[in-house]
Amino acid sequence: MEFFLKFIVGIAIATLSSFITVRLSLARFRTEKWWEKKVSAYEQVIEAFHGSKKFATEHMDAEFKGKELPKERDEELRAIAKVARDEILKATDIGAFILSDEALNILKDYEKESDKLSDCHSWIEYLDTDLGITDKYMKKIISEAKRDLQQ
């Protein structure tokens, strides 16, 4: 009888221990997967800022060299910038699912500030303002991503 009681207690302890181990493993797995999704979301936004920044950077470089970009390259950069802007706006709309509240605020502020580009009076002013805004908010989102992902 004593042997049977020890056997039952041993099985109960092993079962409880296994249950706790599995629960902790699943919780860790979920946390790691969630973190990976957050990293991916921030990467997409940062890549979009990079694509947006590329338009102004290449055009500014050409202007300073007194040259004009080839039509094909200009069209390519415009397409990249459009996709990048769309990606940033998409992240603003659906990013609340993964991105931090501060990251969403940064994206909303970027959208508001970049809407003012139509107030520019010259091509150079437009490029300079666009580059400044994009660079500023790209740095802010990188900083927020680092902060958010360390948690």
Protein backbone atom coordinates (compact mmCIF):
# COMPACT_ATOMS: atom_id res chain seq x y z
CA MET A 1 0.00 0.00 0.00
CA GLU A 2 2.83 2.40 0.85
CA PHE A 3 4.44 1.65 -2.49
CA PHE A 4 1.18 2.36 -4.31
CA LEU A 5 0.77 5.69 -2.48
CA LYS A 6 4.34 6.75 -3.36
CA PHE A 7 3.70 5.73 -6.95
CA ILE A 8 0.52 7.85 -7.17
CA VAL A 9 2.24 10.84 -5.53
CA GLY A 10 5.16 10.49 -7.95
CA ILE A 11 2.83 10.41 -10.96
CA ALA A 12 0.91 13.42 -9.63
CA ILE A 13 4.13 15.40 -9.15
CA ALA A 14 5.39 14.40 -12.61
CA THR A 15 2.08 15.35 -14.21
CA LEU A 16 1.94 18.72 -12.47
CA SER A 17 5.57 19.38 -13.30
CA SER A 18 5.00 18.50 -16.96
CA PHE A 19 1.91 20.68 -17.12
CA ILE A 20 3.75 23.68 -15.67
CA THR A 21 6.72 23.14 -17.98
CA VAL A 22 4.50 22.96 -21.06
CA ARG A 23 2.56 26.10 -20.03
CA LEU A 24 5.77 28.05 -19.46
CA SER A 25 7.21 26.84 -22.77
CA LEU A 26 4.08 27.87 -24.65
CA ALA A 27 4.08 31.28 -22.99
CA ARG A 28 7.70 31.80 -23.94
CA PHE A 29 7.02 30.63 -27.49
CA ARG A 30 4.12 33.10 -27.83
CA THR A 31 6.24 35.94 -26.44
CA GLU A 32 9.07 35.18 -28.85
CA LYS A 33 6.70 34.98 -31.83
CA TRP A 34 5.06 38.27 -30.85
CA TRP A 35 8.49 39.90 -30.54
CA GLU A 36 9.41 38.59 -34.01
CA LYS A 37 6.22 40.11 -35.45
CA LYS A 38 7.05 43.45 -33.83
CA VAL A 39 10.57 43.35 -35.28
CA SER A 40 9.16 42.62 -38.72
CA ALA A 41 6.64 45.47 -38.47
CA TYR A 42 9.31 47.97 -37.43
CA GLU A 43 11.62 46.71 -40.19
CA GLN A 44 8.90 47.31 -42.79
CA VAL A 45 8.29 50.85 -41.57
CA ILE A 46 12.02 51.67 -41.46
CA GLU A 47 12.50 50.23 -44.96
CA ALA A 48 9.59 52.38 -46.15
CA PHE A 49 11.22 55.49 -44.68
CA HIS A 50 14.44 54.51 -46.44
CA GLY A 51 12.60 54.19 -49.76
CA SER A 52 10.95 57.55 -49.25
CA LYS A 53 14.25 59.17 -48.32
CA LYS A 54 15.93 57.75 -51.43
CA PHE A 55 13.77 59.90 -53.72
CA ALA A 56 14.84 63.20 -52.19
CA THR A 57 18.45 62.12 -51.67
CA GLU A 58 19.10 61.13 -55.28
CA HIS A 59 17.33 64.19 -56.67
CA MET A 60 19.25 66.50 -54.30
CA ASP A 61 22.54 64.88 -55.29
CA ALA A 62 21.71 65.41 -58.96
CA GLU A 63 20.73 69.05 -58.32
CA PHE A 64 23.99 69.76 -56.47
CA LYS A 65 25.94 68.26 -59.35
CA GLY A 66 23.99 70.41 -61.80
CA LYS A 67 22.55 67.35 -63.52
CA GLU A 68 19.13 65.92 -64.06
CA LEU A 69 18.28 62.32 -63.27
CA PRO A 70 17.44 60.19 -66.28
CA LYS A 71 13.68 59.94 -66.84
CA GLU A 72 13.69 56.19 -66.14
CA ARG A 73 15.44 56.66 -62.78
CA ASP A 74 13.11 59.51 -61.84
CA GLU A 75 10.08 57.32 -62.60
CA GLU A 76 11.61 54.45 -60.65
CA LEU A 77 12.28 56.69 -57.63
CA ARG A 78 8.76 58.12 -57.79
CA ALA A 79 7.33 54.59 -57.77
CA ILE A 80 9.56 53.61 -54.83
CA ALA A 81 8.52 56.76 -52.94
CA LYS A 82 4.83 56.11 -53.60
CA VAL A 83 5.08 52.51 -52.37
CA ALA A 84 7.05 53.73 -49.34
CA ARG A 85 4.47 56.38 -48.46
CA ASP A 86 1.66 53.87 -48.88
CA GLU A 87 3.50 51.46 -46.57
CA ILE A 88 3.95 54.16 -43.92
CA LEU A 89 0.28 55.14 -44.14
CA LYS A 90 -0.74 51.49 -43.94
CA ALA A 91 1.38 51.06 -40.81
CA THR A 92 -0.35 54.11 -39.35
CA ASP A 93 -3.75 52.57 -40.02
CA ILE A 94 -3.16 48.98 -38.96
CA GLY A 95 -0.02 49.29 -36.84
CA ALA A 96 -1.95 49.60 -33.57
CA PHE A 97 -2.08 45.83 -33.60
CA ILE A 98 1.70 45.51 -33.21
CA LEU A 99 3.45 48.89 -32.99
CA SER A 100 3.64 50.89 -29.78
CA ASP A 101 1.38 53.90 -29.20
CA GLU A 102 4.45 56.14 -29.43
CA ALA A 103 5.40 54.63 -32.81
CA LEU A 104 1.88 55.31 -34.07
CA ASN A 105 2.11 58.90 -32.86
CA ILE A 106 5.41 59.28 -34.72
CA LEU A 107 3.84 57.96 -37.92
CA LYS A 108 0.82 60.25 -37.55
CA ASP A 109 3.09 63.25 -36.97
CA TYR A 110 5.10 62.30 -40.05
CA GLU A 111 1.93 62.16 -42.11
CA LYS A 112 0.78 65.59 -40.88
CA GLU A 113 4.17 67.19 -41.45
CA SER A 114 4.70 65.65 -44.89
CA ASP A 115 1.26 66.89 -45.99
CA LYS A 116 2.76 70.40 -45.78
CA LEU A 117 5.17 69.65 -48.65
CA SER A 118 2.65 71.17 -51.05
CA ASP A 119 3.44 74.55 -49.45
CA CYS A 120 6.99 74.50 -50.87
CA HIS A 121 7.71 77.13 -53.52
CA SER A 122 10.57 75.47 -55.39
CA TRP A 123 11.84 72.04 -56.32
CA ILE A 124 14.95 72.42 -54.14
CA GLU A 125 12.86 73.58 -51.19
CA TYR A 126 10.55 70.60 -51.72
CA LEU A 127 13.44 68.12 -51.83
CA ASP A 128 15.18 69.68 -48.84
CA THR A 129 11.99 69.74 -46.77
CA ASP A 130 11.03 66.20 -47.80
CA LEU A 131 14.49 64.89 -46.93
CA GLY A 132 14.48 66.71 -43.59
CA ILE A 133 11.05 65.44 -42.59
CA THR A 134 11.72 61.87 -43.68
CA ASP A 135 15.12 61.73 -41.99
CA LYS A 136 13.73 63.22 -38.77
CA TYR A 137 10.89 60.72 -38.48
CA MET A 138 13.01 57.78 -39.61
CA LYS A 139 15.38 58.50 -36.71
CA LYS A 140 12.43 58.82 -34.32
CA ILE A 141 10.92 55.50 -35.41
CA ILE A 142 14.29 53.75 -35.14
CA SER A 143 14.71 55.11 -31.63
CA GLU A 144 11.20 54.02 -30.66
CA ALA A 145 11.72 50.56 -32.19
CA LYS A 146 14.85 50.08 -30.09
CA ARG A 147 12.98 51.17 -26.97
CA ASP A 148 9.90 49.08 -27.69
CA LEU A 149 11.79 45.93 -28.63
CA GLN A 150 13.91 45.96 -25.46
CA GLN A 151 10.85 45.32 -23.31
